[in-house]
Amino acid sequence: MDVLHVNAHWDPEARVWWAQSDEVPGLVAETKTHEGLIKELRALVPALLAMNRPEVKGGVSLRIVSEQVEEVRFT
């Protein structure tokens, strides 16, 4: 089974998680929660692969690498 890489990032200003992948053409996803993003990816990736990479059949594994930077202030 193919392993496709997806990068997920937290945008602190917009307060949303967003994802993109060079291996899944057309993938752009944005949700309020990380769990919601995973759910969105499960729905979007198969549809996008069917349209843009028809040679990929039978399912894929997603390696989702998440990044969240938090500012911690102290005195």
PDB file of N, CA and C in Angstrom:
ATOM      1  N   MET A   1       0.854  -1.175   0.000  1.00  0.00           N
ATOM      2  CA  MET A   1       0.000   0.000   0.000  1.00  0.00           C
ATOM      3  C   MET A   1       0.898   1.236   0.000  1.00  0.00           C
ATOM      4  N   ASP A   2       0.557   2.185  -0.837  1.00  0.00           N
ATOM      5  CA  ASP A   2       1.307   3.436  -0.902  1.00  0.00           C
ATOM      6  C   ASP A   2       1.158   4.232   0.381  1.00  0.00           C
ATOM      7  N   VAL A   3       2.231   4.917   0.766  1.00  0.00           N
ATOM      8  CA  VAL A   3       2.197   5.841   1.898  1.00  0.00           C
ATOM      9  C   VAL A   3       2.347   7.247   1.335  1.00  0.00           C
ATOM     10  N   LEU A   4       1.365   8.080   1.554  1.00  0.00           N
ATOM     11  CA  LEU A   4       1.384   9.460   1.076  1.00  0.00           C
ATOM     12  C   LEU A   4       1.588  10.393   2.258  1.00  0.00           C
ATOM     13  N   HIS A   5       2.385  11.411   2.055  1.00  0.00           N
ATOM     14  CA  HIS A   5       2.723  12.355   3.121  1.00  0.00           C
ATOM     15  C   HIS A   5       1.829  13.589   3.044  1.00  0.00           C
ATOM     16  N   VAL A   6       1.286  13.948   4.189  1.00  0.00           N
ATOM     17  CA  VAL A   6       0.449  15.139   4.312  1.00  0.00           C
ATOM     18  C   VAL A   6       1.023  15.979   5.444  1.00  0.00           C
ATOM     19  N   ASN A   7       1.162  17.267   5.205  1.00  0.00           N
ATOM     20  CA  ASN A   7       1.654  18.190   6.229  1.00  0.00           C
ATOM     21  C   ASN A   7       0.478  18.972   6.792  1.00  0.00           C
ATOM     22  N   ALA A   8       0.349  18.948   8.112  1.00  0.00           N
ATOM     23  CA  ALA A   8      -0.725  19.669   8.792  1.00  0.00           C
ATOM     24  C   ALA A   8      -0.101  20.740   9.679  1.00  0.00           C
ATOM     25  N   HIS A   9      -0.711  21.911   9.675  1.00  0.00           N
ATOM     26  CA  HIS A   9      -0.174  23.048  10.434  1.00  0.00           C
ATOM     27  C   HIS A   9      -1.295  23.753  11.184  1.00  0.00           C
ATOM     28  N   TRP A  10      -0.960  24.286  12.334  1.00  0.00           N
ATOM     29  CA  TRP A  10      -1.877  25.106  13.116  1.00  0.00           C
ATOM     30  C   TRP A  10      -1.610  26.557  12.783  1.00  0.00           C
ATOM     31  N   ASP A  11      -2.660  27.300  12.439  1.00  0.00           N
ATOM     32  CA  ASP A  11      -2.554  28.739  12.192  1.00  0.00           C
ATOM     33  C   ASP A  11      -3.140  29.444  13.410  1.00  0.00           C
ATOM     34  N   PRO A  12      -2.282  29.993  14.289  1.00  0.00           N
ATOM     35  CA  PRO A  12      -2.793  30.590  15.530  1.00  0.00           C
ATOM     36  C   PRO A  12      -3.626  31.847  15.308  1.00  0.00           C
ATOM     37  N   GLU A  13      -3.362  32.579  14.239  1.00  0.00           N
ATOM     38  CA  GLU A  13      -4.154  33.789  13.987  1.00  0.00           C
ATOM     39  C   GLU A  13      -5.567  33.440  13.532  1.00  0.00           C
ATOM     40  N   ALA A  14      -5.675  32.502  12.603  1.00  0.00           N
ATOM     41  CA  ALA A  14      -6.991  32.099  12.104  1.00  0.00           C
ATOM     42  C   ALA A  14      -7.641  31.059  13.014  1.00  0.00           C
ATOM     43  N   ARG A  15      -6.840  30.460  13.895  1.00  0.00           N
ATOM     44  CA  ARG A  15      -7.293  29.433  14.818  1.00  0.00           C
ATOM     45  C   ARG A  15      -7.888  28.226  14.086  1.00  0.00           C
ATOM     46  N   VAL A  16      -7.143  27.769  13.076  1.00  0.00           N
ATOM     47  CA  VAL A  16      -7.550  26.601  12.295  1.00  0.00           C
ATOM     48  C   VAL A  16      -6.345  25.720  12.002  1.00  0.00           C
ATOM     49  N   TRP A  17      -6.632  24.438  11.794  1.00  0.00           N
ATOM     50  CA  TRP A  17      -5.652  23.500  11.256  1.00  0.00           C
ATOM     51  C   TRP A  17      -5.822  23.485   9.745  1.00  0.00           C
ATOM     52  N   TRP A  18      -4.709  23.454   9.017  1.00  0.00           N
ATOM     53  CA  TRP A  18      -4.780  23.338   7.564  1.00  0.00           C
ATOM     54  C   TRP A  18      -3.771  22.298   7.097  1.00  0.00           C
ATOM     55  N   ALA A  19      -4.045  21.698   5.951  1.00  0.00           N
ATOM     56  CA  ALA A  19      -3.184  20.637   5.450  1.00  0.00           C
ATOM     57  C   ALA A  19      -2.978  20.780   3.960  1.00  0.00           C
ATOM     58  N   GLN A  20      -1.826  20.277   3.507  1.00  0.00           N
ATOM     59  CA  GLN A  20      -1.506  20.224   2.084  1.00  0.00           C
ATOM     60  C   GLN A  20      -0.567  19.050   1.860  1.00  0.00           C
ATOM     61  N   SER A  21      -0.490  18.632   0.600  1.00  0.00           N
ATOM     62  CA  SER A  21       0.399  17.534   0.247  1.00  0.00           C
ATOM     63  C   SER A  21       0.789  17.641  -1.210  1.00  0.00           C
ATOM     64  N   ASP A  22       2.069  17.517  -1.489  1.00  0.00           N
ATOM     65  CA  ASP A  22       2.530  17.482  -2.875  1.00  0.00           C
ATOM     66  C   ASP A  22       2.157  16.158  -3.536  1.00  0.00           C
ATOM     67  N   GLU A  23       1.864  15.151  -2.738  1.00  0.00           N
ATOM     68  CA  GLU A  23       1.557  13.818  -3.255  1.00  0.00           C
ATOM     69  C   GLU A  23       0.067  13.601  -3.525  1.00  0.00           C
ATOM     70  N   VAL A  24      -0.752  14.549  -3.075  1.00  0.00           N
ATOM     71  CA  VAL A  24      -2.197  14.480  -3.315  1.00  0.00           C
ATOM     72  C   VAL A  24      -2.578  15.778  -4.036  1.00  0.00           C
ATOM     73  N   PRO A  25      -2.520  15.772  -5.366  1.00  0.00           N
ATOM     74  CA  PRO A  25      -2.800  16.994  -6.122  1.00  0.00           C
ATOM     75  C   PRO A  25      -4.174  17.570  -5.785  1.00  0.00           C
ATOM     76  N   GLY A  26      -4.197  18.871  -5.535  1.00  0.00           N
ATOM     77  CA  GLY A  26      -5.444  19.568  -5.246  1.00  0.00           C
ATOM     78  C   GLY A  26      -5.839  19.591  -3.783  1.00  0.00           C
ATOM     79  N   LEU A  27      -5.054  18.941  -2.924  1.00  0.00           N
ATOM     80  CA  LEU A  27      -5.435  18.873  -1.513  1.00  0.00           C
ATOM     81  C   LEU A  27      -5.243  20.212  -0.822  1.00  0.00           C
ATOM     82  N   VAL A  28      -6.338  20.739  -0.322  1.00  0.00           N
ATOM     83  CA  VAL A  28      -6.351  21.910   0.549  1.00  0.00           C
ATOM     84  C   VAL A  28      -7.473  21.659   1.539  1.00  0.00           C
ATOM     85  N   ALA A  29      -7.128  21.586   2.808  1.00  0.00           N
ATOM     86  CA  ALA A  29      -8.141  21.314   3.829  1.00  0.00           C
ATOM     87  C   ALA A  29      -7.905  22.246   5.007  1.00  0.00           C
ATOM     88  N   GLU A  30      -8.991  22.645   5.641  1.00  0.00           N
ATOM     89  CA  GLU A  30      -8.903  23.551   6.788  1.00  0.00           C
ATOM     90  C   GLU A  30     -10.070  23.269   7.728  1.00  0.00           C
ATOM     91  N   THR A  31      -9.762  23.073   9.007  1.00  0.00           N
ATOM     92  CA  THR A  31     -10.803  22.836  10.007  1.00  0.00           C
ATOM     93  C   THR A  31     -10.388  23.442  11.343  1.00  0.00           C
ATOM     94  N   LYS A  32     -11.317  23.515  12.256  1.00  0.00           N
ATOM     95  CA  LYS A  32     -11.056  24.103  13.572  1.00  0.00           C
ATOM     96  C   LYS A  32     -10.282  23.178  14.505  1.00  0.00           C
ATOM     97  N   THR A  33     -10.399  21.858  14.299  1.00  0.00           N
ATOM     98  CA  THR A  33      -9.731  20.913  15.197  1.00  0.00           C
ATOM     99  C   THR A  33      -8.843  19.943  14.410  1.00  0.00           C
ATOM    100  N   HIS A  34      -7.854  19.392  15.098  1.00  0.00           N
ATOM    101  CA  HIS A  34      -6.979  18.399  14.471  1.00  0.00           C
ATOM    102  C   HIS A  34      -7.788  17.153  14.115  1.00  0.00           C
ATOM    103  N   GLU A  35      -8.669  16.730  15.004  1.00  0.00           N
ATOM    104  CA  GLU A  35      -9.512  15.561  14.737  1.00  0.00           C
ATOM    105  C   GLU A  35     -10.409  15.799  13.521  1.00  0.00           C
ATOM    106  N   GLY A  36     -10.928  17.012  13.407  1.00  0.00           N
ATOM    107  CA  GLY A  36     -11.745  17.362  12.247  1.00  0.00           C
ATOM    108  C   GLY A  36     -10.946  17.329  10.961  1.00  0.00           C
ATOM    109  N   LEU A  37      -9.681  17.714  11.052  1.00  0.00           N
ATOM    110  CA  LEU A  37      -8.814  17.687   9.878  1.00  0.00           C
ATOM    111  C   LEU A  37      -8.591  16.253   9.409  1.00  0.00           C
ATOM    112  N   ILE A  38      -8.359  15.344  10.344  1.00  0.00           N
ATOM    113  CA  ILE A  38      -8.176  13.937   9.994  1.00  0.00           C
ATOM    114  C   ILE A  38      -9.433  13.407   9.298  1.00  0.00           C
ATOM    115  N   LYS A  39     -10.586  13.732   9.838  1.00  0.00           N
ATOM    116  CA  LYS A  39     -11.853  13.304   9.246  1.00  0.00           C
ATOM    117  C   LYS A  39     -11.998  13.861   7.833  1.00  0.00           C
ATOM    118  N   GLU A  40     -11.660  15.114   7.664  1.00  0.00           N
ATOM    119  CA  GLU A  40     -11.729  15.766   6.350  1.00  0.00           C
ATOM    120  C   GLU A  40     -10.776  15.097   5.356  1.00  0.00           C
ATOM    121  N   LEU A  41      -9.575  14.760   5.813  1.00  0.00           N
ATOM    122  CA  LEU A  41      -8.601  14.102   4.935  1.00  0.00           C
ATOM    123  C   LEU A  41      -9.100  12.730   4.495  1.00  0.00           C
ATOM    124  N   ARG A  42      -9.727  12.010   5.399  1.00  0.00           N
ATOM    125  CA  ARG A  42     -10.261  10.686   5.048  1.00  0.00           C
ATOM    126  C   ARG A  42     -11.301  10.779   3.928  1.00  0.00           C
ATOM    127  N   ALA A  43     -12.023  11.884   3.871  1.00  0.00           N
ATOM    128  CA  ALA A  43     -13.028  12.070   2.826  1.00  0.00           C
ATOM    129  C   ALA A  43     -12.425  12.645   1.543  1.00  0.00           C
ATOM    130  N   LEU A  44     -11.540  13.614   1.683  1.00  0.00           N
ATOM    131  CA  LEU A  44     -10.996  14.311   0.515  1.00  0.00           C
ATOM    132  C   LEU A  44      -9.974  13.501  -0.277  1.00  0.00           C
ATOM    133  N   VAL A  45      -9.070  12.841   0.424  1.00  0.00           N
ATOM    134  CA  VAL A  45      -7.962  12.174  -0.265  1.00  0.00           C
ATOM    135  C   VAL A  45      -8.444  11.139  -1.284  1.00  0.00           C
ATOM    136  N   PRO A  46      -9.350  10.230  -0.948  1.00  0.00           N
ATOM    137  CA  PRO A  46      -9.789   9.273  -1.973  1.00  0.00           C
ATOM    138  C   PRO A  46     -10.402   9.947  -3.207  1.00  0.00           C
ATOM    139  N   ALA A  47     -11.201  10.991  -2.979  1.00  0.00           N
ATOM    140  CA  ALA A  47     -11.831  11.691  -4.105  1.00  0.00           C
ATOM    141  C   ALA A  47     -10.784  12.372  -4.986  1.00  0.00           C
ATOM    142  N   LEU A  48      -9.811  13.024  -4.358  1.00  0.00           N
ATOM    143  CA  LEU A  48      -8.769  13.708  -5.129  1.00  0.00           C
ATOM    144  C   LEU A  48      -7.874  12.728  -5.872  1.00  0.00           C
ATOM    145  N   LEU A  49      -7.560  11.606  -5.237  1.00  0.00           N
ATOM    146  CA  LEU A  49      -6.740  10.603  -5.916  1.00  0.00           C
ATOM    147  C   LEU A  49      -7.490  10.007  -7.104  1.00  0.00           C
ATOM    148  N   ALA A  50      -8.768   9.762  -6.965  1.00  0.00           N
ATOM    149  CA  ALA A  50      -9.560   9.223  -8.068  1.00  0.00           C
ATOM    150  C   ALA A  50      -9.549  10.171  -9.263  1.00  0.00           C
ATOM    151  N   MET A  51      -9.584  11.474  -8.992  1.00  0.00           N
ATOM    152  CA  MET A  51      -9.585  12.463 -10.077  1.00  0.00           C
ATOM    153  C   MET A  51      -8.199  12.720 -10.652  1.00  0.00           C
ATOM    154  N   ASN A  52      -7.189  12.791  -9.771  1.00  0.00           N
ATOM    155  CA  ASN A  52      -5.879  13.280 -10.200  1.00  0.00           C
ATOM    156  C   ASN A  52      -4.775  12.231 -10.268  1.00  0.00           C
ATOM    157  N   ARG A  53      -4.972  11.088  -9.648  1.00  0.00           N
ATOM    158  CA  ARG A  53      -3.972  10.015  -9.686  1.00  0.00           C
ATOM    159  C   ARG A  53      -4.685   8.671  -9.803  1.00  0.00           C
ATOM    160  N   PRO A  54      -5.364   8.440 -10.928  1.00  0.00           N
ATOM    161  CA  PRO A  54      -6.163   7.218 -11.078  1.00  0.00           C
ATOM    162  C   PRO A  54      -5.343   5.929 -11.014  1.00  0.00           C
ATOM    163  N   GLU A  55      -4.029   6.041 -11.148  1.00  0.00           N
ATOM    164  CA  GLU A  55      -3.195   4.841 -11.051  1.00  0.00           C
ATOM    165  C   GLU A  55      -3.107   4.309  -9.620  1.00  0.00           C
ATOM    166  N   VAL A  56      -3.454   5.149  -8.634  1.00  0.00           N
ATOM    167  CA  VAL A  56      -3.446   4.724  -7.231  1.00  0.00           C
ATOM    168  C   VAL A  56      -4.782   4.050  -6.940  1.00  0.00           C
ATOM    169  N   LYS A  57      -4.732   2.763  -6.651  1.00  0.00           N
ATOM    170  CA  LYS A  57      -5.967   2.001  -6.428  1.00  0.00           C
ATOM    171  C   LYS A  57      -5.865   1.190  -5.143  1.00  0.00           C
ATOM    172  N   GLY A  58      -7.001   0.861  -4.570  1.00  0.00           N
ATOM    173  CA  GLY A  58      -7.048  -0.054  -3.445  1.00  0.00           C
ATOM    174  C   GLY A  58      -6.788   0.547  -2.082  1.00  0.00           C
ATOM    175  N   GLY A  59      -6.527   1.829  -2.012  1.00  0.00           N
ATOM    176  CA  GLY A  59      -6.298   2.486  -0.729  1.00  0.00           C
ATOM    177  C   GLY A  59      -4.859   2.936  -0.551  1.00  0.00           C
ATOM    178  N   VAL A  60      -4.670   3.821   0.384  1.00  0.00           N
ATOM    179  CA  VAL A  60      -3.350   4.365   0.714  1.00  0.00           C
ATOM    180  C   VAL A  60      -3.265   4.537   2.224  1.00  0.00           C
ATOM    181  N   SER A  61      -2.059   4.687   2.693  1.00  0.00           N
ATOM    182  CA  SER A  61      -1.830   5.102   4.078  1.00  0.00           C
ATOM    183  C   SER A  61      -1.419   6.559   4.037  1.00  0.00           C
ATOM    184  N   LEU A  62      -1.906   7.327   4.981  1.00  0.00           N
ATOM    185  CA  LEU A  62      -1.518   8.730   5.081  1.00  0.00           C
ATOM    186  C   LEU A  62      -0.561   8.893   6.248  1.00  0.00           C
ATOM    187  N   ARG A  63       0.585   9.480   5.991  1.00  0.00           N
ATOM    188  CA  ARG A  63       1.505   9.860   7.063  1.00  0.00           C
ATOM    189  C   ARG A  63       1.288  11.353   7.267  1.00  0.00           C
ATOM    190  N   ILE A  64       0.577  11.671   8.339  1.00  0.00           N
ATOM    191  CA  ILE A  64       0.217  13.063   8.617  1.00  0.00           C
ATOM    192  C   ILE A  64       1.198  13.596   9.644  1.00  0.00           C
ATOM    193  N   VAL A  65       1.981  14.567   9.217  1.00  0.00           N
ATOM    194  CA  VAL A  65       2.960  15.187  10.099  1.00  0.00           C
ATOM    195  C   VAL A  65       2.386  16.541  10.505  1.00  0.00           C
ATOM    196  N   SER A  66       2.130  16.689  11.806  1.00  0.00           N
ATOM    197  CA  SER A  66       1.478  17.898  12.318  1.00  0.00           C
ATOM    198  C   SER A  66       2.485  18.789  13.020  1.00  0.00           C
ATOM    199  N   GLU A  67       2.276  20.087  12.848  1.00  0.00           N
ATOM    200  CA  GLU A  67       3.134  21.062  13.509  1.00  0.00           C
ATOM    201  C   GLU A  67       2.263  22.128  14.146  1.00  0.00           C
ATOM    202  N   GLN A  68       2.542  22.370  15.410  1.00  0.00           N
ATOM    203  CA  GLN A  68       1.844  23.439  16.126  1.00  0.00           C
ATOM    204  C   GLN A  68       2.881  24.172  16.954  1.00  0.00           C
ATOM    205  N   VAL A  69       2.968  25.458  16.750  1.00  0.00           N
ATOM    206  CA  VAL A  69       3.904  26.280  17.509  1.00  0.00           C
ATOM    207  C   VAL A  69       3.083  27.121  18.474  1.00  0.00           C
ATOM    208  N   GLU A  70       3.423  27.030  19.731  1.00  0.00           N
ATOM    209  CA  GLU A  70       2.731  27.796  20.765  1.00  0.00           C
ATOM    210  C   GLU A  70       3.724  28.737  21.434  1.00  0.00           C
ATOM    211  N   GLU A  71       3.305  29.946  21.619  1.00  0.00           N
ATOM    212  CA  GLU A  71       4.130  30.929  22.313  1.00  0.00           C
ATOM    213  C   GLU A  71       3.822  30.848  23.800  1.00  0.00           C
ATOM    214  N   VAL A  72       4.853  30.755  24.594  1.00  0.00           N
ATOM    215  CA  VAL A  72       4.697  30.694  26.050  1.00  0.00           C
ATOM    216  C   VAL A  72       5.402  31.910  26.621  1.00  0.00           C
ATOM    217  N   ARG A  73       4.647  32.737  27.293  1.00  0.00           N
ATOM    218  CA  ARG A  73       5.234  33.946  27.892  1.00  0.00           C
ATOM    219  C   ARG A  73       5.428  33.745  29.390  1.00  0.00           C
ATOM    220  N   PHE A  74       6.448  34.332  29.908  1.00  0.00           N
ATOM    221  CA  PHE A  74       6.698  34.261  31.338  1.00  0.00           C
ATOM    222  C   PHE A  74       7.437  35.530  31.752  1.00  0.00           C
ATOM    223  N   THR A  75       7.462  35.777  33.043  1.00  0.00           N
ATOM    224  CA  THR A  75       8.135  36.973  33.546  1.00  0.00           C
ATOM    225  C   THR A  75       9.273  36.590  34.460  1.00  0.00           C
TER     226      THR A  75
END
